[in-house]
Amino acid sequence: MAAGLLVAAAGLVAGACAWLAVSGRIDFEYLPPEIMDLLGRPTPEEEAKFRAAVRARDFRTAATSFAILGLASGGLIGLAAGARRNRGSAAVGLAAGLALGGVFGAAGGATGQFLSDGLQTTGLDSILRTMAASAGGFVVAAIGVGAGAAVASRRSAPLPAAVAAALIAGLVYPLLAAALFPAAPTDKPMPWDAGPLLVWAMLPAGLMGLAVGRAGRPCG
């Protein structure tokens, strides 16, 4: 029980670290001056250039931010999951979690942004679009986190547990963020305001830590 709580606590610490790291990059929302100059009365070509720059920025932002979340969650959850066995497994969990969490986190960010952009023209309600995009991004990132914990604990159970927790987090995040911060924009898979960003980081990391802690009991 205590070891499982340690993994859950590692998830919460990972979420806090990710929040601090991502919020420290909040200037990523600004575009280069030459792009902002197109905002006056743009020609169709200039408007297309501006939209392309915004889209590229959003993809970079999402991929980088989800990678940070994956690195923090994968590394700390993998470390804690491995520590339930021995120090060697803890080191393996840290290394595997950092590598897999970072790679799948970046892929998750790109996936979430792709879904968000692709659903814009479907007429789907904005909260449902955000739920789909967030769930998609978190689930892909969770594959890396869960795989790292599975390697550390030598059990397969942490992988589906992390994915299930991430799916729940993705579906709950937009609703919770909108309820807690009604004045802040929460219709993107990657929020920029500090309040929604805290929920975005803490909710999936905490739930993954809790799920992996329950699922990754060592066999011996």
Foldseek 3Di string as FASTA:
>chain_A
DVLLVQLLVLLQVLLVQLLVVLLVVLVLQDDDPVLVVCPPDHDPVSVVVNVVRNLVSQLVSLLQSLLSLQQSLQQSSQLSLLVLPPNVLSVQSNVQSNVLLNVQSSVLSNQLSVQLVVCPPVPDDLLVSQLVSQLSSQLSSLQSSQVSSCSSQVHNQLNVLLNVQSNVLSNCLLVVQCVVCVPADSSGSQGSDSSSSSSSRNRSSSSSSNSCSVRRNHPD
